[in-house]
Amino acid sequence: MISPFNDEYFMKQALLEADKAEEKGEVPVGAVVVVNNQIIARAHNLTEQLNDVTAHAEVQAITAAADFLGAKYLTGCTLYVTVEPCVMCAGALYWSQIDKVVFGTRDEKRGAGRFQHDLYHPKTLVTNGVLAHDCAEKMKAFFKDKR
């Protein structure tokens, strides 16, 4: 049986969160945390709204997922995020001990992979390129409009 709940499905949910960020004038990055094919947390960038440089979509999603689970570790969970996490977010994901991180498009300027490849927890599987074109186009359009 083919499951409708795959990486593309969940990345589309993260893209919906990115739309919410953009509507608020935030950089359009969205994230969802999934366990057993159930979304337990949805988040998007809130750095402008909260005047908080740490209010990235990933950090907001980690906090919401931990609250939902009643635990600080996100074992058994997968984070889907539209853009490659930065070093700060990779560090937060390391501490959360999340099982898997799936991101859409690379961040050539600030992405964690640009700086060091072992920033995630050793047990965390990191994959990328899921709906990469859609995720990249959302960012390009946002910054083109800003210029």
Protein backbone atom coordinates (compact mmCIF):
# COMPACT_ATOMS: atom_id res chain seq x y z
CA MET A 1 0.00 0.00 0.00
CA ILE A 2 1.29 3.46 -0.88
CA SER A 3 1.16 5.94 1.96
CA PRO A 4 0.17 9.53 1.21
CA PHE A 5 2.39 10.54 4.12
CA ASN A 6 5.85 10.85 2.62
CA ASP A 7 8.65 13.42 2.63
CA GLU A 8 6.98 15.51 -0.08
CA TYR A 9 3.68 15.61 1.82
CA PHE A 10 5.32 16.83 5.00
CA MET A 11 7.54 19.33 3.16
CA LYS A 12 4.40 20.80 1.60
CA GLN A 13 3.11 21.28 5.14
CA ALA A 14 6.36 23.07 6.02
CA LEU A 15 5.88 25.27 2.93
CA LEU A 16 2.44 26.24 4.24
CA GLU A 17 4.17 27.40 7.42
CA ALA A 18 6.66 29.37 5.32
CA ASP A 19 3.67 31.12 3.72
CA LYS A 20 2.50 32.16 7.20
CA ALA A 21 5.93 33.62 7.93
CA GLU A 22 5.91 35.57 4.68
CA GLU A 23 2.44 36.97 5.42
CA LYS A 24 3.93 38.43 8.62
CA GLY A 25 6.92 39.93 6.82
CA GLU A 26 9.23 37.22 8.15
CA VAL A 27 11.80 35.35 6.08
CA PRO A 28 9.66 32.51 4.70
CA VAL A 29 11.00 29.47 6.48
CA GLY A 30 8.56 26.88 7.78
CA ALA A 31 8.92 23.66 9.72
CA VAL A 32 6.90 20.74 11.00
CA VAL A 33 7.82 17.94 13.39
CA VAL A 34 6.39 14.51 12.67
CA VAL A 35 6.16 11.32 14.71
CA ASN A 36 4.42 8.19 13.41
CA ASN A 37 3.11 10.12 10.37
CA GLN A 38 1.43 12.67 12.67
CA ILE A 39 2.38 16.33 12.72
CA ILE A 40 2.94 17.24 16.36
CA ALA A 41 4.36 20.73 15.83
CA ARG A 42 4.09 23.47 13.21
CA ALA A 43 6.24 26.58 13.21
CA HIS A 44 7.68 29.37 11.12
CA ASN A 45 10.15 32.19 11.55
CA LEU A 46 9.11 34.76 14.15
CA THR A 47 12.33 36.76 14.52
CA GLU A 48 10.78 40.08 13.47
CA GLN A 49 7.52 39.67 15.36
CA LEU A 50 9.25 38.63 18.59
CA ASN A 51 12.37 40.79 18.14
CA ASP A 52 14.32 37.63 18.85
CA VAL A 53 17.16 36.47 16.63
CA THR A 54 16.75 32.92 17.97
CA ALA A 55 13.09 32.61 16.92
CA HIS A 56 13.87 30.55 13.84
CA ALA A 57 11.28 28.08 12.56
CA GLU A 58 13.37 25.11 13.72
CA VAL A 59 13.72 26.40 17.29
CA GLN A 60 10.02 27.21 17.46
CA ALA A 61 9.21 23.70 16.17
CA ILE A 62 11.55 22.00 18.65
CA THR A 63 9.93 23.88 21.54
CA ALA A 64 6.40 23.06 20.38
CA ALA A 65 7.23 19.38 19.80
CA ALA A 66 8.90 19.01 23.19
CA ASP A 67 5.86 20.61 24.80
CA PHE A 68 3.54 18.23 22.95
CA LEU A 69 5.61 15.19 23.96
CA GLY A 70 6.25 16.39 27.50
CA ALA A 71 9.92 15.56 27.02
CA LYS A 72 13.04 17.44 25.99
CA TYR A 73 14.29 14.78 23.57
CA LEU A 74 12.66 14.33 20.18
CA THR A 75 13.56 10.69 19.69
CA GLY A 76 11.40 9.06 17.07
CA CYS A 77 10.69 12.43 15.42
CA THR A 78 11.50 13.97 12.06
CA LEU A 79 11.83 17.69 11.39
CA TYR A 80 10.87 18.94 7.94
CA VAL A 81 12.14 22.44 7.22
CA THR A 82 12.08 24.39 3.97
CA VAL A 83 15.64 25.74 4.24
CA GLU A 84 18.82 24.14 5.56
CA PRO A 85 19.20 24.86 9.29
CA CYS A 86 21.82 27.37 10.39
CA VAL A 87 24.55 26.49 12.89
CA MET A 88 22.40 27.66 15.83
CA CYS A 89 19.46 25.51 14.75
CA ALA A 90 21.71 22.52 14.03
CA GLY A 91 23.00 22.87 17.60
CA ALA A 92 19.47 22.95 18.99
CA LEU A 93 18.62 19.90 16.89
CA TYR A 94 21.74 18.18 18.23
CA TRP A 95 20.58 18.71 21.80
CA SER A 96 17.06 17.54 20.97
CA GLN A 97 18.48 14.20 19.72
CA ILE A 98 15.94 14.21 16.88
CA ASP A 99 16.08 11.12 14.67
CA LYS A 100 15.89 12.80 11.28
CA VAL A 101 16.13 16.24 9.66
CA VAL A 102 14.79 16.75 6.15
CA PHE A 103 15.32 20.11 4.48
CA GLY A 104 14.28 21.47 1.14
CA THR A 105 16.93 23.83 -0.17
CA ARG A 106 20.46 24.53 0.92
CA ASP A 107 21.41 27.85 2.46
CA GLU A 108 24.72 28.60 0.76
CA LYS A 109 25.42 31.60 3.00
CA ARG A 110 24.38 30.46 6.48
CA GLY A 111 23.53 26.76 6.29
CA ALA A 112 25.13 24.44 8.83
CA GLY A 113 26.60 22.27 6.07
CA ARG A 114 28.68 25.19 4.86
CA PHE A 115 30.55 25.41 8.14
CA GLN A 116 30.85 21.90 9.49
CA HIS A 117 29.24 18.59 8.65
CA ASP A 118 29.10 17.00 12.09
CA LEU A 119 26.96 19.59 13.87
CA TYR A 120 24.00 17.23 14.19
CA HIS A 121 23.75 14.45 16.75
CA PRO A 122 25.59 11.31 15.52
CA LYS A 123 22.32 9.35 15.38
CA THR A 124 20.49 12.06 13.40
CA LEU A 125 19.96 11.27 9.73
CA VAL A 126 20.03 14.41 7.57
CA THR A 127 18.59 14.46 4.07
CA ASN A 128 17.97 17.32 1.68
CA GLY A 129 16.55 18.23 -1.67
CA VAL A 130 12.90 17.45 -0.93
CA LEU A 131 10.90 19.94 -3.02
CA ALA A 132 14.15 21.89 -3.29
CA HIS A 133 12.97 23.96 -6.26
CA ASP A 134 9.75 25.07 -4.53
CA CYS A 135 11.60 25.92 -1.32
CA ALA A 136 14.34 27.84 -3.15
CA GLU A 137 11.87 29.77 -5.30
CA LYS A 138 9.96 30.90 -2.21
CA MET A 139 13.16 32.37 -0.75
CA LYS A 140 14.27 33.95 -4.03
CA ALA A 141 10.89 35.61 -4.57
CA PHE A 142 10.83 36.95 -1.01
CA PHE A 143 14.27 38.56 -1.25
CA LYS A 144 13.64 39.83 -4.80
CA ASP A 145 10.58 41.70 -3.47
CA LYS A 146 12.67 43.14 -0.62
CA ARG A 147 15.26 44.64 -2.97
